[in-house]
Amino acid sequence: MSEDKQFDFWYAVNNTELVVRPSAQLETFGDTIVNYSLVCEQMDAVDKVCVREGQLKALKPTIITPTTLGQVDLQNFGNEAQAYAEWLKEHAQNLRILQYGFSIEKQEIKESIITDRMENVVERVKKENATKDDPLAAILIGVDSPWEVCLLKLMVELVQESAQGNMQQMQKQVLNEKKQYLDRIDQAFAAASREPNRINDLASMLKREGLWETYEDRFFALVRASQK
């Protein structure tokens, strides 16, 4: 990665401030729509402020695997944001925020130029957003170029804040699914113990699901008990 590109995205990363953060965390088992307002001072004009409003769609996170570790899939983002994403991937092993992969889609709704002081525009946007009562609304101050990196920085922070809760919910789901699976096997053994004609079906199920060696002793104990 060239030093110029690194400078470009780090300039944006270091000059991005999250003024109002969403009160809700990213969804664990579904997609999340974050409504953003990005306020940027124009570089070539005095008291000219650009307000960009749009949506960031964070697709549901994927459980950690060697292939998804550090995965950052961006859609509709520019080159500087892609360069920042590449940096995140390269440092995934050292970043807690990338304990699972995530995908982001950017949808820009509108852009307006306002003639006023920066702090006045920010306060106005904050008041407008307060009336919407949106738990997934975010207001940030960033740079006019490369402004898309500011949005990615926002999502990195939201992923970081949501990661622990998301992972706990994922692990809970895995444990529940495992319990349901084990309960189904116990029910199959119980049914075969009541109706010996089901023993062959039980054997077929265990072999089909690769569980024969695990349950072999229990199976033959059942067979012996059915012959008494």
C-alpha atoms as a PDB file:
ATOM      1  CA  MET A   1       0.000   0.000   0.000  1.00  0.00           C
ATOM      2  CA  SER A   2       1.418   3.390  -0.990  1.00  0.00           C
ATOM      3  CA  GLU A   3       2.244   6.015   1.630  1.00  0.00           C
ATOM      4  CA  ASP A   4      -0.033   8.504  -0.149  1.00  0.00           C
ATOM      5  CA  LYS A   5      -3.056   6.228   0.210  1.00  0.00           C
ATOM      6  CA  GLN A   6      -2.209   5.520   3.823  1.00  0.00           C
ATOM      7  CA  PHE A   7      -1.983   9.268   4.461  1.00  0.00           C
ATOM      8  CA  ASP A   8      -5.325   9.854   2.782  1.00  0.00           C
ATOM      9  CA  PHE A   9      -7.313   7.394   4.843  1.00  0.00           C
ATOM     10  CA  TRP A  10      -5.475   8.073   8.115  1.00  0.00           C
ATOM     11  CA  TYR A  11      -6.145  11.783   7.662  1.00  0.00           C
ATOM     12  CA  ALA A  12      -9.856  10.985   7.517  1.00  0.00           C
ATOM     13  CA  VAL A  13      -9.727   8.393  10.319  1.00  0.00           C
ATOM     14  CA  ASN A  14      -7.903  10.773  12.668  1.00  0.00           C
ATOM     15  CA  ASN A  15     -10.272  13.638  11.919  1.00  0.00           C
ATOM     16  CA  THR A  16     -13.547  11.794  12.355  1.00  0.00           C
ATOM     17  CA  GLU A  17     -15.563  12.522  15.484  1.00  0.00           C
ATOM     18  CA  LEU A  18     -18.714  10.661  16.424  1.00  0.00           C
ATOM     19  CA  VAL A  19     -20.961  13.339  17.908  1.00  0.00           C
ATOM     20  CA  VAL A  20     -24.111  11.253  18.394  1.00  0.00           C
ATOM     21  CA  ARG A  21     -23.764   7.481  18.481  1.00  0.00           C
ATOM     22  CA  PRO A  22     -26.637   5.011  18.016  1.00  0.00           C
ATOM     23  CA  SER A  23     -28.181   3.857  21.272  1.00  0.00           C
ATOM     24  CA  ALA A  24     -28.808   0.373  19.834  1.00  0.00           C
ATOM     25  CA  GLN A  25     -26.123  -2.139  18.914  1.00  0.00           C
ATOM     26  CA  LEU A  26     -25.753  -3.880  15.579  1.00  0.00           C
ATOM     27  CA  GLU A  27     -28.091  -6.836  15.091  1.00  0.00           C
ATOM     28  CA  THR A  28     -26.632 -10.291  15.643  1.00  0.00           C
ATOM     29  CA  PHE A  29     -28.985 -12.374  13.524  1.00  0.00           C
ATOM     30  CA  GLY A  30     -30.119  -9.831  10.963  1.00  0.00           C
ATOM     31  CA  ASP A  31     -29.095  -6.785   8.951  1.00  0.00           C
ATOM     32  CA  THR A  32     -28.821  -3.356  10.562  1.00  0.00           C
ATOM     33  CA  ILE A  33     -29.618  -0.019   8.920  1.00  0.00           C
ATOM     34  CA  VAL A  34     -27.673   2.900  10.415  1.00  0.00           C
ATOM     35  CA  ASN A  35     -28.942   6.339   9.411  1.00  0.00           C
ATOM     36  CA  TYR A  36     -25.996   8.722   9.295  1.00  0.00           C
ATOM     37  CA  SER A  37     -25.523  12.465   9.067  1.00  0.00           C
ATOM     38  CA  LEU A  38     -21.952  13.410   8.148  1.00  0.00           C
ATOM     39  CA  VAL A  39     -21.021  17.066   8.627  1.00  0.00           C
ATOM     40  CA  CYS A  40     -17.903  18.260   6.780  1.00  0.00           C
ATOM     41  CA  GLU A  41     -16.402  21.707   6.440  1.00  0.00           C
ATOM     42  CA  GLN A  42     -15.616  22.627   2.823  1.00  0.00           C
ATOM     43  CA  MET A  43     -11.874  22.953   2.290  1.00  0.00           C
ATOM     44  CA  ASP A  44     -12.020  25.684  -0.349  1.00  0.00           C
ATOM     45  CA  ALA A  45     -14.685  27.974   1.136  1.00  0.00           C
ATOM     46  CA  VAL A  46     -15.254  29.869   4.380  1.00  0.00           C
ATOM     47  CA  ASP A  47     -18.346  28.921   6.406  1.00  0.00           C
ATOM     48  CA  LYS A  48     -19.477  26.428   3.782  1.00  0.00           C
ATOM     49  CA  VAL A  49     -20.516  23.152   5.371  1.00  0.00           C
ATOM     50  CA  CYS A  50     -21.563  19.983   3.581  1.00  0.00           C
ATOM     51  CA  VAL A  51     -24.128  17.724   5.239  1.00  0.00           C
ATOM     52  CA  ARG A  52     -24.426  14.232   3.786  1.00  0.00           C
ATOM     53  CA  GLU A  53     -27.279  12.042   4.909  1.00  0.00           C
ATOM     54  CA  GLY A  54     -27.710   8.412   4.031  1.00  0.00           C
ATOM     55  CA  GLN A  55     -27.804   4.852   5.233  1.00  0.00           C
ATOM     56  CA  LEU A  56     -25.226   2.228   6.049  1.00  0.00           C
ATOM     57  CA  LYS A  57     -26.501  -1.307   5.845  1.00  0.00           C
ATOM     58  CA  ALA A  58     -24.462  -3.686   7.983  1.00  0.00           C
ATOM     59  CA  LEU A  59     -25.182  -7.257   6.933  1.00  0.00           C
ATOM     60  CA  LYS A  60     -25.499  -9.727   9.772  1.00  0.00           C
ATOM     61  CA  PRO A  61     -22.084 -10.734  11.158  1.00  0.00           C
ATOM     62  CA  THR A  62     -20.691 -14.166  10.394  1.00  0.00           C
ATOM     63  CA  ILE A  63     -19.392 -16.524  13.053  1.00  0.00           C
ATOM     64  CA  ILE A  64     -15.606 -16.533  13.188  1.00  0.00           C
ATOM     65  CA  THR A  65     -13.850 -18.973  10.864  1.00  0.00           C
ATOM     66  CA  PRO A  66     -10.363 -18.866   9.323  1.00  0.00           C
ATOM     67  CA  THR A  67     -11.893 -17.468   6.119  1.00  0.00           C
ATOM     68  CA  THR A  68     -14.106 -14.808   7.743  1.00  0.00           C
ATOM     69  CA  LEU A  69     -11.585 -13.523  10.284  1.00  0.00           C
ATOM     70  CA  GLY A  70     -10.986  -9.911   9.391  1.00  0.00           C
ATOM     71  CA  GLN A  71     -13.367  -9.962   6.433  1.00  0.00           C
ATOM     72  CA  VAL A  72     -14.508  -6.439   5.555  1.00  0.00           C
ATOM     73  CA  ASP A  73     -16.710  -6.460   2.471  1.00  0.00           C
ATOM     74  CA  LEU A  74     -17.562  -2.942   1.256  1.00  0.00           C
ATOM     75  CA  GLN A  75     -20.162  -2.063  -1.363  1.00  0.00           C
ATOM     76  CA  ASN A  76     -20.392   1.383  -3.010  1.00  0.00           C
ATOM     77  CA  PHE A  77     -17.293   2.724  -1.234  1.00  0.00           C
ATOM     78  CA  GLY A  78     -14.400   4.584  -2.868  1.00  0.00           C
ATOM     79  CA  ASN A  79     -10.695   3.747  -3.143  1.00  0.00           C
ATOM     80  CA  GLU A  80      -9.584   5.362   0.131  1.00  0.00           C
ATOM     81  CA  ALA A  81     -12.208   3.452   2.121  1.00  0.00           C
ATOM     82  CA  GLN A  82     -11.114   0.256   0.374  1.00  0.00           C
ATOM     83  CA  ALA A  83      -7.502   1.027   1.345  1.00  0.00           C
ATOM     84  CA  TYR A  84      -8.560   1.464   4.980  1.00  0.00           C
ATOM     85  CA  ALA A  85     -10.456  -1.843   4.790  1.00  0.00           C
ATOM     86  CA  GLU A  86      -7.302  -3.527   3.488  1.00  0.00           C
ATOM     87  CA  TRP A  87      -5.361  -2.175   6.456  1.00  0.00           C
ATOM     88  CA  LEU A  88      -8.015  -3.561   8.806  1.00  0.00           C
ATOM     89  CA  LYS A  89      -7.750  -6.972   7.166  1.00  0.00           C
ATOM     90  CA  GLU A  90      -3.952  -6.998   7.456  1.00  0.00           C
ATOM     91  CA  HIS A  91      -4.180  -6.244  11.179  1.00  0.00           C
ATOM     92  CA  ALA A  92      -7.193  -8.435  11.980  1.00  0.00           C
ATOM     93  CA  GLN A  93      -5.221 -10.655  14.353  1.00  0.00           C
ATOM     94  CA  ASN A  94      -4.455  -7.653  16.553  1.00  0.00           C
ATOM     95  CA  LEU A  95      -7.869  -6.008  16.469  1.00  0.00           C
ATOM     96  CA  ARG A  96     -10.698  -7.098  18.733  1.00  0.00           C
ATOM     97  CA  ILE A  97     -13.178  -5.385  16.393  1.00  0.00           C
ATOM     98  CA  LEU A  98     -12.617  -8.006  13.724  1.00  0.00           C
ATOM     99  CA  GLN A  99     -13.441 -11.122  15.703  1.00  0.00           C
ATOM    100  CA  TYR A 100     -16.092 -11.708  13.067  1.00  0.00           C
ATOM    101  CA  GLY A 101     -16.492 -10.664   9.464  1.00  0.00           C
ATOM    102  CA  PHE A 102     -18.924  -7.999   8.371  1.00  0.00           C
ATOM    103  CA  SER A 103     -20.239  -6.453   5.174  1.00  0.00           C
ATOM    104  CA  ILE A 104     -21.347  -2.870   4.664  1.00  0.00           C
ATOM    105  CA  GLU A 105     -23.432  -1.258   1.949  1.00  0.00           C
ATOM    106  CA  LYS A 106     -23.470   2.530   1.561  1.00  0.00           C
ATOM    107  CA  GLN A 107     -26.551   4.338   0.321  1.00  0.00           C
ATOM    108  CA  GLU A 108     -26.411   8.107   0.010  1.00  0.00           C
ATOM    109  CA  ILE A 109     -29.764   9.828   0.278  1.00  0.00           C
ATOM    110  CA  LYS A 110     -28.979  13.532  -0.018  1.00  0.00           C
ATOM    111  CA  GLU A 111     -26.215  16.101   0.173  1.00  0.00           C
ATOM    112  CA  SER A 112     -26.611  19.779   0.966  1.00  0.00           C
ATOM    113  CA  ILE A 113     -24.271  22.766   1.286  1.00  0.00           C
ATOM    114  CA  ILE A 114     -25.074  25.171   4.115  1.00  0.00           C
ATOM    115  CA  THR A 115     -23.577  28.614   4.618  1.00  0.00           C
ATOM    116  CA  ASP A 116     -22.988  28.873   8.351  1.00  0.00           C
ATOM    117  CA  ARG A 117     -20.433  28.146  11.015  1.00  0.00           C
ATOM    118  CA  MET A 118     -19.577  24.507  11.563  1.00  0.00           C
ATOM    119  CA  GLU A 119     -20.769  24.380  15.185  1.00  0.00           C
ATOM    120  CA  ASN A 120     -24.126  25.920  14.254  1.00  0.00           C
ATOM    121  CA  VAL A 121     -24.729  23.331  11.543  1.00  0.00           C
ATOM    122  CA  VAL A 122     -23.866  20.490  13.917  1.00  0.00           C
ATOM    123  CA  GLU A 123     -26.320  21.781  16.518  1.00  0.00           C
ATOM    124  CA  ARG A 124     -29.026  22.088  13.893  1.00  0.00           C
ATOM    125  CA  VAL A 125     -28.488  18.515  12.713  1.00  0.00           C
ATOM    126  CA  LYS A 126     -28.536  17.290  16.313  1.00  0.00           C
ATOM    127  CA  LYS A 127     -31.875  19.000  16.977  1.00  0.00           C
ATOM    128  CA  GLU A 128     -33.395  17.586  13.789  1.00  0.00           C
ATOM    129  CA  ASN A 129     -32.254  14.073  14.648  1.00  0.00           C
ATOM    130  CA  ALA A 130     -33.514  14.352  18.225  1.00  0.00           C
ATOM    131  CA  THR A 131     -37.079  14.716  16.950  1.00  0.00           C
ATOM    132  CA  LYS A 132     -36.860  11.417  15.027  1.00  0.00           C
ATOM    133  CA  ASP A 133     -36.197   9.243  18.077  1.00  0.00           C
ATOM    134  CA  ASP A 134     -34.132   6.839  15.960  1.00  0.00           C
ATOM    135  CA  PRO A 135     -32.015   4.384  18.031  1.00  0.00           C
ATOM    136  CA  LEU A 136     -29.796   3.750  14.996  1.00  0.00           C
ATOM    137  CA  ALA A 137     -29.109   7.372  14.064  1.00  0.00           C
ATOM    138  CA  ALA A 138     -25.513   8.615  14.046  1.00  0.00           C
ATOM    139  CA  ILE A 139     -24.083  12.103  13.611  1.00  0.00           C
ATOM    140  CA  LEU A 140     -20.414  12.541  12.889  1.00  0.00           C
ATOM    141  CA  ILE A 141     -18.014  15.300  11.962  1.00  0.00           C
ATOM    142  CA  GLY A 142     -15.494  14.381   9.310  1.00  0.00           C
ATOM    143  CA  VAL A 143     -13.486  15.587   6.364  1.00  0.00           C
ATOM    144  CA  ASP A 144     -14.798  16.481   2.939  1.00  0.00           C
ATOM    145  CA  SER A 145     -12.238  14.249   1.239  1.00  0.00           C
ATOM    146  CA  PRO A 146     -12.014  11.287   1.573  1.00  0.00           C
ATOM    147  CA  TRP A 147     -15.369  11.454   3.376  1.00  0.00           C
ATOM    148  CA  GLU A 148     -16.319   7.791   2.823  1.00  0.00           C
ATOM    149  CA  VAL A 149     -13.518   6.747   5.176  1.00  0.00           C
ATOM    150  CA  CYS A 150     -15.353   8.642   7.920  1.00  0.00           C
ATOM    151  CA  LEU A 151     -18.347   6.351   7.423  1.00  0.00           C
ATOM    152  CA  LEU A 152     -16.178   3.254   7.620  1.00  0.00           C
ATOM    153  CA  LYS A 153     -14.599   4.611  10.822  1.00  0.00           C
ATOM    154  CA  LEU A 154     -18.136   4.988  12.200  1.00  0.00           C
ATOM    155  CA  MET A 155     -18.919   1.359  11.404  1.00  0.00           C
ATOM    156  CA  VAL A 156     -15.643   0.162  12.910  1.00  0.00           C
ATOM    157  CA  GLU A 157     -16.606   1.857  16.182  1.00  0.00           C
ATOM    158  CA  LEU A 158     -20.112   0.382  16.093  1.00  0.00           C
ATOM    159  CA  VAL A 159     -18.742  -3.102  15.395  1.00  0.00           C
ATOM    160  CA  GLN A 160     -16.316  -2.704  18.284  1.00  0.00           C
ATOM    161  CA  GLU A 161     -19.109  -1.696  20.641  1.00  0.00           C
ATOM    162  CA  SER A 162     -21.432  -4.479  19.468  1.00  0.00           C
ATOM    163  CA  ALA A 163     -18.867  -7.282  19.150  1.00  0.00           C
ATOM    164  CA  GLN A 164     -19.062  -8.670  22.672  1.00  0.00           C
ATOM    165  CA  GLY A 165     -22.862  -8.781  22.745  1.00  0.00           C
ATOM    166  CA  ASN A 166     -23.035 -10.230  19.236  1.00  0.00           C
ATOM    167  CA  MET A 167     -20.544 -12.981  20.045  1.00  0.00           C
ATOM    168  CA  GLN A 168     -22.353 -13.885  23.269  1.00  0.00           C
ATOM    169  CA  GLN A 169     -25.656 -14.181  21.403  1.00  0.00           C
ATOM    170  CA  MET A 170     -24.008 -16.280  18.675  1.00  0.00           C
ATOM    171  CA  GLN A 171     -22.481 -18.614  21.257  1.00  0.00           C
ATOM    172  CA  LYS A 172     -25.816 -18.906  23.050  1.00  0.00           C
ATOM    173  CA  GLN A 173     -27.501 -19.843  19.786  1.00  0.00           C
ATOM    174  CA  VAL A 174     -24.842 -22.485  19.063  1.00  0.00           C
ATOM    175  CA  LEU A 175     -25.327 -23.987  22.543  1.00  0.00           C
ATOM    176  CA  ASN A 176     -29.107 -24.020  22.131  1.00  0.00           C
ATOM    177  CA  GLU A 177     -28.823 -25.728  18.747  1.00  0.00           C
ATOM    178  CA  LYS A 178     -26.417 -28.297  20.221  1.00  0.00           C
ATOM    179  CA  LYS A 179     -28.807 -28.976  23.099  1.00  0.00           C
ATOM    180  CA  GLN A 180     -31.709 -29.424  20.687  1.00  0.00           C
ATOM    181  CA  TYR A 181     -29.584 -31.810  18.624  1.00  0.00           C
ATOM    182  CA  LEU A 182     -28.620 -33.898  21.673  1.00  0.00           C
ATOM    183  CA  ASP A 183     -32.230 -33.899  22.864  1.00  0.00           C
ATOM    184  CA  ARG A 184     -33.310 -35.267  19.483  1.00  0.00           C
ATOM    185  CA  ILE A 185     -30.803 -38.141  19.818  1.00  0.00           C
ATOM    186  CA  ASP A 186     -31.969 -38.888  23.367  1.00  0.00           C
ATOM    187  CA  GLN A 187     -35.556 -38.956  22.111  1.00  0.00           C
ATOM    188  CA  ALA A 188     -34.561 -41.411  19.363  1.00  0.00           C
ATOM    189  CA  PHE A 189     -32.946 -43.732  21.946  1.00  0.00           C
ATOM    190  CA  ALA A 190     -36.005 -43.454  24.192  1.00  0.00           C
ATOM    191  CA  ALA A 191     -38.330 -44.290  21.303  1.00  0.00           C
ATOM    192  CA  ALA A 192     -36.198 -47.318  20.345  1.00  0.00           C
ATOM    193  CA  SER A 193     -36.206 -48.553  23.945  1.00  0.00           C
ATOM    194  CA  ARG A 194     -40.028 -48.463  23.966  1.00  0.00           C
ATOM    195  CA  GLU A 195     -40.411 -49.868  20.469  1.00  0.00           C
ATOM    196  CA  PRO A 196     -37.575 -52.299  19.562  1.00  0.00           C
ATOM    197  CA  ASN A 197     -38.624 -52.222  15.901  1.00  0.00           C
ATOM    198  CA  ARG A 198     -37.092 -48.745  15.769  1.00  0.00           C
ATOM    199  CA  ILE A 199     -33.596 -49.936  16.710  1.00  0.00           C
ATOM    200  CA  ASN A 200     -32.516 -50.369  13.083  1.00  0.00           C
ATOM    201  CA  ASP A 201     -33.716 -46.850  12.269  1.00  0.00           C
ATOM    202  CA  LEU A 202     -31.702 -45.548  15.222  1.00  0.00           C
ATOM    203  CA  ALA A 203     -28.567 -47.305  13.958  1.00  0.00           C
ATOM    204  CA  SER A 204     -29.074 -45.849  10.479  1.00  0.00           C
ATOM    205  CA  MET A 205     -29.495 -42.331  11.917  1.00  0.00           C
ATOM    206  CA  LEU A 206     -26.330 -42.562  14.020  1.00  0.00           C
ATOM    207  CA  LYS A 207     -24.275 -43.765  11.060  1.00  0.00           C
ATOM    208  CA  ARG A 208     -25.786 -41.196   8.689  1.00  0.00           C
ATOM    209  CA  GLU A 209     -24.900 -38.333  11.028  1.00  0.00           C
ATOM    210  CA  GLY A 210     -21.418 -39.633  11.834  1.00  0.00           C
ATOM    211  CA  LEU A 211     -22.239 -40.394  15.464  1.00  0.00           C
ATOM    212  CA  TRP A 212     -21.867 -44.173  15.452  1.00  0.00           C
ATOM    213  CA  GLU A 213     -18.555 -44.307  17.323  1.00  0.00           C
ATOM    214  CA  THR A 214     -19.788 -41.792  19.909  1.00  0.00           C
ATOM    215  CA  TYR A 215     -22.965 -43.711  20.687  1.00  0.00           C
ATOM    216  CA  GLU A 216     -21.871 -47.269  19.861  1.00  0.00           C
ATOM    217  CA  ASP A 217     -21.659 -48.474  23.481  1.00  0.00           C
ATOM    218  CA  ARG A 218     -24.995 -46.913  24.342  1.00  0.00           C
ATOM    219  CA  PHE A 219     -26.582 -48.467  21.258  1.00  0.00           C
ATOM    220  CA  PHE A 220     -25.435 -52.017  22.040  1.00  0.00           C
ATOM    221  CA  ALA A 221     -26.510 -51.580  25.654  1.00  0.00           C
ATOM    222  CA  LEU A 222     -29.946 -50.761  24.280  1.00  0.00           C
ATOM    223  CA  VAL A 223     -29.866 -53.837  22.015  1.00  0.00           C
ATOM    224  CA  ARG A 224     -28.953 -56.118  24.935  1.00  0.00           C
ATOM    225  CA  ALA A 225     -31.696 -54.627  27.086  1.00  0.00           C
ATOM    226  CA  SER A 226     -34.282 -55.169  24.344  1.00  0.00           C
ATOM    227  CA  GLN A 227     -33.400 -58.882  24.149  1.00  0.00           C
ATOM    228  CA  LYS A 228     -34.091 -59.612  27.797  1.00  0.00           C
END
